[in-house]
Amino acid sequence: MQELDYKIEAKNGLKFRQLYGGIQDVLIPEMYVEQTTRKVLIMEWVEGQKLSEVKDLYLIEVGVYCSFNQLLEKGFYHADPHPGNLFRSYDGKLAYIDFGMMGEFKEELREGFIEACLHLVNRDFDALAKDFVTLGLLPPTAEKEAVTKALTGVFQNAVAKGVRNISFGDLLGNLGATMYKFKFRIPSYFSLVIRSLAVLEGIAISSNPNYKVLGSTYPYIARKVLTDSSPQLKSSLVALLYKEGVFRIDRLESLLTESLRARTEKALIKKQTEDTDSRLITKEILSFTLTEKGAFVREILLQEFAKGLDALGIATLDYFTSAVIPFAAPFSFSSLTEEDRINLTNLRRLLLLLSRVQSSKSASVEVKEGSIYKNQTTYSEEASLVFYQLASAQEVLPILSVIPELPPELQQEFLHLPADLAGRLISRAAARTIRRMFL
């Protein structure tokens, strides 16, 4: 019975304290390893109330953040977080006790779990079926198409209302019959991970029936996918954002928006309110994309801006050519391809994303643009499209206005962007010219 060896438990507690003791408002008792024997554990005394007996959603959020670090950052986690092992100390901190049952979550499994969450939220059930193989829940010989169909039926309704409304308990309950049918395996690590998350959600629901632990965890997952240097997660991000070479900006919008809800240990606040200050949100997005951690996303954004500006240049040239020779308008053939039209839409939405225009306005923009792209484009529609895109310059002003508020090193990074963008535009123009020469 390894759990009854208190020397092992003391070492577990010491490691847990070293890894997570620095998180704001987390209390992990000190372990006196030298004085501990196999049958006697000597540790710091903790006084407080069971977390399940007090309505403190802030500490639940602290627990979610700490669990994220345990499960998806460090991989060393508390495998028995039942209500008796989680306390609210009298000075308002979340205290962990009892380190007899701990778990190790290997890096490849952590990344697989993150990918599974991404694919679930984005309803990519084919990829989710493959994730289940990676996580050891399904054998490699499982019929992927049948599993995908089954998972679509199980999860489609659960995720339809958005990540913030996904019930962790409901997901597990709905999955039961499918797991039995396809002979899912339940690795020991998986049952412990699921249990730790389910316990947190259960404690939170006692205070707030509408609480969703996955909705609170997903912002950290989104931020990790956007910033992590792991080649596997970078590859997953690209696969998520591009389908058959087409940029899916809605997914980037979702990831960036969700990542802004994530709280680091330095930014945990007791009043978890949605920030509606668009200026502040613009500043946060710029700050993220200009840092070293945001370099990969910055490259994607520059690439898509270059595509959009290139398409806008072609559209503008078409418009002025037709304006100079009006009698040729009915016979003119637009140089814009379907890809260019998509790139124009993405340019507009990228500007809206960075300037954080109200969602209602964004929705009307998407409808208007969509109606133009879906129909056969006429000369007048081409002109309307060009001017509509040129109006995007108004959205640049809020972006520029926050630059002086950024740290000096980020301002310098921002000044390098025009040159980087110009280089990409030149490359696209050269490629377009070469294609025309050989077509």
Protein backbone atom coordinates (compact mmCIF):
# COMPACT_ATOMS: atom_id res chain seq x y z
CA MET A 1 0.00 0.00 0.00
CA GLN A 2 2.19 2.81 -1.30
CA GLU A 3 -0.34 5.46 -0.24
CA LEU A 4 0.30 4.57 3.43
CA ASP A 5 4.03 5.27 3.15
CA TYR A 6 4.12 8.79 4.60
CA LYS A 7 7.69 9.41 3.46
CA ILE A 8 6.46 9.12 -0.12
CA GLU A 9 3.49 11.38 0.66
CA ALA A 10 5.78 13.99 2.20
CA LYS A 11 7.97 14.00 -0.92
CA ASN A 12 4.84 14.33 -3.07
CA GLY A 13 3.69 17.28 -1.00
CA LEU A 14 7.13 18.90 -1.21
CA LYS A 15 7.17 18.56 -5.03
CA PHE A 16 3.60 19.85 -5.27
CA ARG A 17 4.51 22.89 -3.18
CA GLN A 18 7.58 23.61 -5.30
CA LEU A 19 5.57 23.46 -8.54
CA TYR A 20 2.36 25.24 -7.52
CA GLY A 21 3.00 27.00 -4.23
CA GLY A 22 3.75 30.26 -6.05
CA ILE A 23 0.27 30.55 -7.59
CA GLN A 24 -1.63 33.45 -6.09
CA ASP A 25 -4.05 32.44 -3.32
CA VAL A 26 -2.98 28.78 -3.36
CA LEU A 27 -1.78 27.41 -0.02
CA ILE A 28 0.22 24.19 0.11
CA PRO A 29 1.40 23.17 3.57
CA GLU A 30 5.08 22.78 4.23
CA MET A 31 6.32 19.20 4.57
CA TYR A 32 8.90 18.28 7.20
CA VAL A 33 10.47 15.45 5.26
CA GLU A 34 13.40 14.88 7.62
CA GLN A 35 11.10 14.37 10.61
CA THR A 36 8.60 12.18 8.71
CA THR A 37 8.74 8.41 8.97
CA ARG A 38 6.96 5.72 7.00
CA LYS A 39 4.12 5.70 9.56
CA VAL A 40 4.15 9.29 10.83
CA LEU A 41 3.68 12.40 8.64
CA ILE A 42 4.88 15.76 9.95
CA MET A 43 3.48 18.76 8.05
CA GLU A 44 2.30 22.33 8.54
CA TRP A 45 -1.08 22.65 10.27
CA VAL A 46 -3.83 24.16 8.09
CA GLU A 47 -7.04 25.63 9.48
CA GLY A 48 -10.12 26.51 7.47
CA GLN A 49 -13.39 25.22 6.06
CA LYS A 50 -14.03 22.63 3.41
CA LEU A 51 -14.33 24.31 0.03
CA SER A 52 -17.64 22.50 -0.52
CA GLU A 53 -19.09 24.18 2.58
CA VAL A 54 -18.41 27.77 1.52
CA LYS A 55 -19.71 29.60 -1.54
CA ASP A 56 -16.50 31.02 -2.93
CA LEU A 57 -16.48 30.94 -6.72
CA TYR A 58 -13.27 32.93 -6.78
CA LEU A 59 -11.42 30.04 -5.10
CA ILE A 60 -13.08 27.67 -7.56
CA GLU A 61 -11.49 29.73 -10.34
CA VAL A 62 -8.18 29.54 -8.49
CA GLY A 63 -8.65 25.77 -8.32
CA VAL A 64 -9.38 25.59 -12.05
CA TYR A 65 -6.23 27.58 -12.81
CA CYS A 66 -4.18 25.41 -10.48
CA SER A 67 -5.66 22.26 -12.05
CA PHE A 68 -4.76 23.55 -15.51
CA ASN A 69 -1.15 23.96 -14.37
CA GLN A 70 -1.16 20.49 -12.85
CA LEU A 71 -2.75 18.66 -15.77
CA LEU A 72 -1.63 20.57 -18.85
CA GLU A 73 1.55 22.46 -17.87
CA LYS A 74 3.60 20.46 -15.38
CA GLY A 75 1.92 17.05 -15.55
CA PHE A 76 2.16 16.33 -11.81
CA TYR A 77 -1.32 16.47 -10.35
CA HIS A 78 -3.36 15.88 -7.21
CA ALA A 79 -5.34 12.74 -8.06
CA ASP A 80 -7.68 12.82 -5.08
CA PRO A 81 -9.16 16.35 -4.89
CA HIS A 82 -12.35 15.33 -3.09
CA PRO A 83 -14.13 18.00 -0.99
CA GLY A 84 -12.31 16.91 2.15
CA ASN A 85 -8.92 17.63 0.60
CA LEU A 86 -9.69 21.18 -0.54
CA PHE A 87 -9.99 23.90 2.11
CA ARG A 88 -10.67 27.59 2.24
CA SER A 89 -8.15 28.86 4.75
CA TYR A 90 -9.21 31.57 7.18
CA ASP A 91 -7.13 34.10 5.23
CA GLY A 92 -9.05 33.29 2.02
CA LYS A 93 -6.69 30.92 0.22
CA LEU A 94 -7.27 27.57 -1.47
CA ALA A 95 -5.46 24.94 0.58
CA TYR A 96 -4.56 21.48 -0.72
CA ILE A 97 -3.93 18.63 1.71
CA ASP A 98 -3.40 14.86 1.50
CA PHE A 99 -0.77 14.07 -1.11
CA GLY A 100 -0.96 10.28 -0.87
CA MET A 101 -2.52 9.82 -4.32
CA MET A 102 -0.77 11.75 -7.08
CA GLY A 103 -0.64 11.30 -10.85
CA GLU A 104 1.84 11.88 -13.66
CA PHE A 105 0.52 13.16 -17.00
CA LYS A 106 3.14 12.66 -19.74
CA GLU A 107 3.77 15.51 -22.19
CA GLU A 108 2.47 13.67 -25.26
CA LEU A 109 -0.75 12.86 -23.40
CA ARG A 110 -1.08 16.46 -22.18
CA GLU A 111 -0.79 17.71 -25.74
CA GLY A 112 -3.24 15.05 -26.91
CA PHE A 113 -5.72 16.15 -24.25
CA ILE A 114 -5.37 19.80 -25.35
CA GLU A 115 -5.92 18.83 -28.99
CA ALA A 116 -8.99 16.82 -28.02
CA CYS A 117 -10.46 19.85 -26.22
CA LEU A 118 -9.77 22.05 -29.26
CA HIS A 119 -11.39 19.59 -31.64
CA LEU A 120 -14.37 19.10 -29.36
CA VAL A 121 -15.06 22.82 -29.02
CA ASN A 122 -14.63 23.36 -32.78
CA ARG A 123 -16.78 20.30 -33.59
CA ASP A 124 -14.01 18.59 -35.55
CA PHE A 125 -15.19 15.10 -34.64
CA ASP A 126 -13.04 13.29 -37.20
CA ALA A 127 -9.90 14.71 -35.56
CA LEU A 128 -11.40 13.98 -32.14
CA ALA A 129 -11.68 10.29 -33.03
CA LYS A 130 -7.95 10.29 -33.84
CA ASP A 131 -7.25 12.08 -30.55
CA PHE A 132 -8.93 9.26 -28.67
CA VAL A 133 -6.45 6.85 -30.26
CA THR A 134 -3.54 9.11 -29.24
CA LEU A 135 -4.86 9.24 -25.68
CA GLY A 136 -5.09 5.46 -25.53
CA LEU A 137 -8.88 5.44 -25.26
CA LEU A 138 -9.35 3.63 -28.57
CA PRO A 139 -7.20 0.97 -30.25
CA PRO A 140 -5.50 2.01 -33.52
CA THR A 141 -7.65 -0.58 -35.32
CA ALA A 142 -10.92 1.19 -34.40
CA GLU A 143 -13.21 2.12 -37.32
CA LYS A 144 -12.57 5.87 -37.48
CA GLU A 145 -15.58 6.71 -39.64
CA ALA A 146 -17.99 4.86 -37.37
CA VAL A 147 -16.45 6.46 -34.29
CA THR A 148 -16.64 9.93 -35.88
CA LYS A 149 -20.31 9.43 -36.67
CA ALA A 150 -21.01 8.25 -33.12
CA LEU A 151 -19.10 11.14 -31.53
CA THR A 152 -20.95 13.63 -33.73
CA GLY A 153 -24.24 12.24 -32.48
CA VAL A 154 -23.08 12.33 -28.85
CA PHE A 155 -21.43 15.76 -28.74
CA GLN A 156 -23.14 17.84 -31.44
CA ASN A 157 -25.87 19.20 -29.18
CA ALA A 158 -23.57 19.49 -26.15
CA VAL A 159 -21.23 21.95 -27.89
CA ALA A 160 -23.82 23.79 -29.97
CA LYS A 161 -24.32 26.51 -27.31
CA GLY A 162 -20.63 27.36 -27.13
CA VAL A 163 -17.72 26.35 -24.91
CA ARG A 164 -18.91 28.39 -21.93
CA ASN A 165 -22.06 26.28 -21.71
CA ILE A 166 -20.53 22.81 -22.08
CA SER A 167 -21.19 20.68 -19.01
CA PHE A 168 -18.30 18.36 -18.21
CA GLY A 169 -20.64 15.98 -16.40
CA ASP A 170 -23.05 15.86 -19.33
CA LEU A 171 -20.24 15.05 -21.76
CA LEU A 172 -19.20 12.05 -19.70
CA GLY A 173 -22.78 10.89 -19.24
CA ASN A 174 -23.55 11.09 -22.96
CA LEU A 175 -20.37 9.26 -23.88
CA GLY A 176 -21.16 6.15 -21.83
CA ALA A 177 -23.05 4.08 -24.43
CA THR A 178 -20.57 4.98 -27.18
CA MET A 179 -17.62 3.92 -25.02
CA TYR A 180 -19.26 0.55 -24.42
CA LYS A 181 -20.12 0.03 -28.10
CA PHE A 182 -16.62 0.74 -29.39
CA LYS A 183 -14.85 -0.93 -26.48
CA PHE A 184 -13.14 2.21 -25.17
CA ARG A 185 -10.22 1.62 -22.87
CA ILE A 186 -9.99 3.66 -19.69
CA PRO A 187 -6.29 4.17 -18.82
CA SER A 188 -5.63 4.79 -15.14
CA TYR A 189 -4.31 8.30 -15.81
CA PHE A 190 -7.51 9.22 -17.66
CA SER A 191 -9.86 8.17 -14.89
CA LEU A 192 -7.86 10.21 -12.37
CA VAL A 193 -7.76 13.30 -14.61
CA ILE A 194 -11.50 13.11 -15.30
CA ARG A 195 -12.23 12.60 -11.62
CA SER A 196 -10.23 15.65 -10.56
CA LEU A 197 -12.09 17.88 -13.06
CA ALA A 198 -15.48 16.39 -12.21
CA VAL A 199 -14.92 17.02 -8.49
CA LEU A 200 -14.13 20.68 -9.13
CA GLU A 201 -17.24 21.11 -11.25
CA GLY A 202 -19.33 19.34 -8.60
CA ILE A 203 -18.09 21.67 -5.84
CA ALA A 204 -18.69 24.73 -8.01
CA ILE A 205 -22.22 23.68 -8.96
CA SER A 206 -23.17 23.65 -5.29
CA SER A 207 -22.52 27.42 -5.31
CA ASN A 208 -23.52 28.18 -8.90
CA PRO A 209 -25.74 25.65 -10.75
CA ASN A 210 -24.68 27.14 -14.09
CA TYR A 211 -20.94 26.77 -13.52
CA LYS A 212 -19.01 24.88 -16.24
CA VAL A 213 -15.47 23.78 -15.45
CA LEU A 214 -14.55 23.28 -19.13
CA GLY A 215 -15.72 26.82 -19.88
CA SER A 216 -13.34 28.09 -17.20
CA THR A 217 -10.46 25.87 -18.33
CA TYR A 218 -10.71 26.50 -22.07
CA PRO A 219 -9.26 30.06 -21.97
CA TYR A 220 -6.01 28.60 -20.58
CA ILE A 221 -6.06 25.92 -23.29
CA ALA A 222 -6.61 28.58 -25.97
CA ARG A 223 -3.73 30.69 -24.65
CA LYS A 224 -1.42 27.69 -24.47
CA VAL A 225 -2.17 26.68 -28.07
CA LEU A 226 -1.50 30.25 -29.24
CA THR A 227 1.76 30.63 -27.32
CA ASP A 228 3.34 27.21 -26.77
CA SER A 229 6.57 26.38 -28.61
CA SER A 230 5.68 22.69 -28.98
CA PRO A 231 5.92 21.63 -32.67
CA GLN A 232 2.90 19.37 -32.17
CA LEU A 233 0.71 22.17 -30.83
CA LYS A 234 1.90 24.56 -33.55
CA SER A 235 0.95 21.96 -36.13
CA SER A 236 -2.44 21.55 -34.45
CA LEU A 237 -2.98 25.33 -34.53
CA VAL A 238 -2.25 25.49 -38.26
CA ALA A 239 -4.55 22.52 -38.94
CA LEU A 240 -7.26 24.23 -36.91
CA LEU A 241 -6.93 27.59 -38.70
CA TYR A 242 -6.61 26.31 -42.28
CA LYS A 243 -8.81 23.96 -44.27
CA GLU A 244 -7.62 23.09 -47.76
CA GLY A 245 -5.48 26.23 -47.68
CA VAL A 246 -8.35 28.55 -46.72
CA PHE A 247 -7.87 30.63 -43.58
CA ARG A 248 -10.70 30.12 -41.05
CA ILE A 249 -10.60 33.45 -39.30
CA ASP A 250 -13.59 32.65 -37.11
CA ARG A 251 -11.47 30.09 -35.30
CA LEU A 252 -8.67 32.57 -34.70
CA GLU A 253 -11.24 35.07 -33.43
CA SER A 254 -12.56 32.45 -31.02
CA LEU A 255 -9.10 31.46 -29.74
CA LEU A 256 -7.97 35.06 -29.21
CA THR A 257 -11.23 36.06 -27.54
CA GLU A 258 -11.18 33.05 -25.21
CA SER A 259 -7.48 33.47 -24.40
CA LEU A 260 -8.17 36.99 -23.13
CA ARG A 261 -10.39 35.46 -20.43
CA ALA A 262 -7.46 33.47 -19.07
CA ARG A 263 -5.98 34.72 -15.82
CA THR A 264 -2.33 34.14 -14.97
CA GLU A 265 -1.16 33.93 -11.39
CA LYS A 266 -0.28 37.64 -11.47
CA ALA A 267 -3.61 38.66 -12.98
CA LEU A 268 -6.09 36.60 -10.94
CA ILE A 269 -8.76 38.95 -9.69
CA LYS A 270 -11.60 38.40 -7.27
CA LYS A 271 -14.26 39.94 -9.50
CA GLN A 272 -14.37 37.85 -12.65
CA THR A 273 -16.20 40.28 -14.98
CA GLU A 274 -16.19 40.49 -18.74
CA ASP A 275 -14.11 43.43 -19.93
CA THR A 276 -16.12 45.52 -22.39
CA ASP A 277 -13.48 48.22 -22.84
CA SER A 278 -12.61 47.72 -26.53
CA ARG A 279 -9.52 49.93 -26.20
CA LEU A 280 -8.14 47.74 -23.43
CA ILE A 281 -8.89 44.57 -25.40
CA THR A 282 -7.12 45.98 -28.46
CA LYS A 283 -4.11 46.73 -26.27
CA GLU A 284 -4.12 43.19 -24.86
CA ILE A 285 -4.29 41.60 -28.32
CA LEU A 286 -1.46 43.80 -29.63
CA SER A 287 0.65 43.16 -26.55
CA PHE A 288 0.23 39.42 -27.03
CA THR A 289 0.98 39.36 -30.76
CA LEU A 290 4.07 41.58 -30.41
CA THR A 291 5.74 39.46 -27.71
CA GLU A 292 8.02 36.51 -28.33
CA LYS A 293 5.27 34.10 -27.24
CA GLY A 294 2.94 35.55 -29.86
CA ALA A 295 5.52 35.29 -32.68
CA PHE A 296 3.90 32.27 -34.35
CA VAL A 297 0.46 33.89 -34.39
CA ARG A 298 2.03 37.17 -35.56
CA GLU A 299 3.45 35.36 -38.60
CA ILE A 300 0.00 34.00 -39.44
CA LEU A 301 -1.58 37.44 -39.06
CA LEU A 302 1.06 39.10 -41.26
CA GLN A 303 0.57 36.45 -43.89
CA GLU A 304 -3.21 36.95 -43.93
CA PHE A 305 -2.90 40.76 -43.91
CA ALA A 306 -0.58 40.50 -46.92
CA LYS A 307 -3.11 38.33 -48.75
CA GLY A 308 -5.91 40.78 -47.95
CA LEU A 309 -3.96 43.89 -48.96
CA ASP A 310 -2.83 42.21 -52.16
CA ALA A 311 -6.45 41.40 -53.05
CA LEU A 312 -7.53 44.91 -52.08
CA GLY A 313 -4.92 46.34 -54.44
CA ILE A 314 -6.20 44.23 -57.34
CA ALA A 315 -9.82 45.18 -56.57
CA THR A 316 -8.92 48.86 -56.39
CA LEU A 317 -7.03 48.67 -59.69
CA ASP A 318 -10.03 46.98 -61.32
CA TYR A 319 -12.32 49.70 -60.02
CA PHE A 320 -10.22 52.64 -61.23
CA THR A 321 -9.59 50.98 -64.59
CA SER A 322 -13.34 50.66 -65.09
CA ALA A 323 -13.90 54.23 -63.87
CA VAL A 324 -11.41 55.67 -66.36
CA ILE A 325 -12.97 53.70 -69.23
CA PRO A 326 -16.65 53.65 -68.25
CA PHE A 327 -17.89 52.28 -71.59
CA ALA A 328 -15.79 49.18 -71.00
CA ALA A 329 -17.39 48.42 -67.64
CA PRO A 330 -20.11 46.04 -68.89
CA PHE A 331 -17.46 44.01 -70.72
CA SER A 332 -14.70 44.11 -68.14
CA PHE A 333 -13.49 40.92 -66.61
CA SER A 334 -12.45 41.24 -62.98
CA SER A 335 -8.95 40.16 -62.02
CA LEU A 336 -10.27 39.10 -58.60
CA THR A 337 -10.35 35.36 -57.99
CA GLU A 338 -12.56 33.59 -55.48
CA GLU A 339 -9.48 33.33 -53.24
CA ASP A 340 -9.06 37.11 -53.46
CA ARG A 341 -12.65 37.64 -52.38
CA ILE A 342 -12.10 35.40 -49.36
CA ASN A 343 -8.90 37.29 -48.54
CA LEU A 344 -10.78 40.61 -48.71
CA THR A 345 -13.35 39.28 -46.24
CA ASN A 346 -10.60 38.10 -43.93
CA LEU A 347 -8.85 41.48 -44.11
CA ARG A 348 -12.01 43.22 -42.99
CA ARG A 349 -12.58 40.77 -40.14
CA LEU A 350 -8.97 41.00 -38.99
CA LEU A 351 -9.31 44.77 -38.69
CA LEU A 352 -12.57 44.35 -36.82
CA LEU A 353 -10.93 41.82 -34.51
CA LEU A 354 -8.06 44.14 -33.64
CA SER A 355 -10.28 47.18 -33.19
CA ARG A 356 -12.93 45.16 -31.31
CA VAL A 357 -15.95 46.76 -33.04
CA GLN A 358 -19.25 45.77 -31.40
CA SER A 359 -20.36 42.25 -32.30
CA SER A 360 -23.67 43.44 -33.76
CA LYS A 361 -21.79 45.59 -36.26
CA SER A 362 -19.45 42.72 -37.07
CA ALA A 363 -22.41 40.45 -37.77
CA SER A 364 -23.93 42.92 -40.22
CA VAL A 365 -20.58 43.24 -41.98
CA GLU A 366 -20.31 39.48 -42.47
CA VAL A 367 -23.82 39.24 -43.92
CA LYS A 368 -23.21 42.10 -46.33
CA GLU A 369 -19.91 40.72 -47.52
CA GLY A 370 -21.28 37.21 -47.82
CA SER A 371 -24.11 38.40 -50.06
CA ILE A 372 -21.57 40.00 -52.40
CA TYR A 373 -19.37 36.94 -52.63
CA LYS A 374 -22.13 34.40 -53.11
CA ASN A 375 -23.70 36.09 -56.15
CA GLN A 376 -22.26 36.65 -59.58
CA THR A 377 -20.15 39.77 -59.16
CA THR A 378 -21.13 42.75 -61.33
CA TYR A 379 -19.24 45.97 -61.91
CA SER A 380 -21.32 47.95 -59.41
CA GLU A 381 -20.92 45.23 -56.79
CA GLU A 382 -17.16 45.22 -57.36
CA ALA A 383 -17.08 48.99 -56.76
CA SER A 384 -19.20 48.68 -53.62
CA LEU A 385 -16.93 45.94 -52.34
CA VAL A 386 -13.77 47.99 -52.86
CA PHE A 387 -15.12 51.06 -51.12
CA TYR A 388 -16.50 48.94 -48.32
CA GLN A 389 -13.08 47.46 -47.75
CA LEU A 390 -11.38 50.85 -47.98
CA ALA A 391 -13.66 52.02 -45.16
CA SER A 392 -11.70 49.60 -42.99
CA ALA A 393 -9.09 52.34 -42.61
CA GLN A 394 -11.37 53.87 -39.98
CA GLU A 395 -10.86 50.79 -37.83
CA VAL A 396 -7.07 51.24 -37.96
CA LEU A 397 -7.27 54.42 -35.87
CA PRO A 398 -8.20 52.69 -32.57
CA ILE A 399 -5.32 50.29 -33.16
CA LEU A 400 -2.78 53.07 -33.71
CA SER A 401 -4.04 55.08 -30.74
CA VAL A 402 -2.98 52.44 -28.22
CA ILE A 403 0.58 52.01 -29.56
CA PRO A 404 2.04 54.81 -27.35
CA GLU A 405 0.68 52.97 -24.29
CA LEU A 406 2.67 49.81 -25.03
CA PRO A 407 6.09 49.14 -23.45
CA PRO A 408 9.01 50.58 -25.49
CA GLU A 409 10.22 47.17 -26.65
CA LEU A 410 6.75 46.34 -28.05
CA GLN A 411 6.56 49.73 -29.78
CA GLN A 412 9.84 48.92 -31.50
CA GLU A 413 8.48 45.54 -32.56
CA PHE A 414 5.40 47.26 -33.98
CA LEU A 415 7.60 49.57 -36.09
CA HIS A 416 9.13 46.52 -37.76
CA LEU A 417 5.76 45.22 -38.95
CA PRO A 418 5.37 47.48 -42.05
CA ALA A 419 8.68 46.25 -43.45
CA ASP A 420 7.73 42.62 -42.81
CA LEU A 421 4.35 43.18 -44.42
CA ALA A 422 5.88 44.96 -47.42
CA GLY A 423 8.19 42.00 -48.00
CA ARG A 424 5.26 39.62 -48.08
CA LEU A 425 3.30 41.89 -50.45
CA ILE A 426 6.24 42.03 -52.86
CA SER A 427 6.53 38.24 -52.78
CA ARG A 428 2.81 37.83 -53.50
CA ALA A 429 2.93 40.35 -56.36
CA ALA A 430 5.91 38.55 -57.89
CA ALA A 431 4.18 35.18 -57.58
CA ARG A 432 1.01 36.57 -59.17
CA THR A 433 3.04 37.98 -62.09
CA ILE A 434 4.80 34.67 -62.65
CA ARG A 435 1.50 32.79 -62.65
CA ARG A 436 0.07 35.14 -65.28
CA MET A 437 3.13 34.68 -67.48
CA PHE A 438 2.67 30.93 -67.63
CA LEU A 439 -1.15 30.80 -67.80
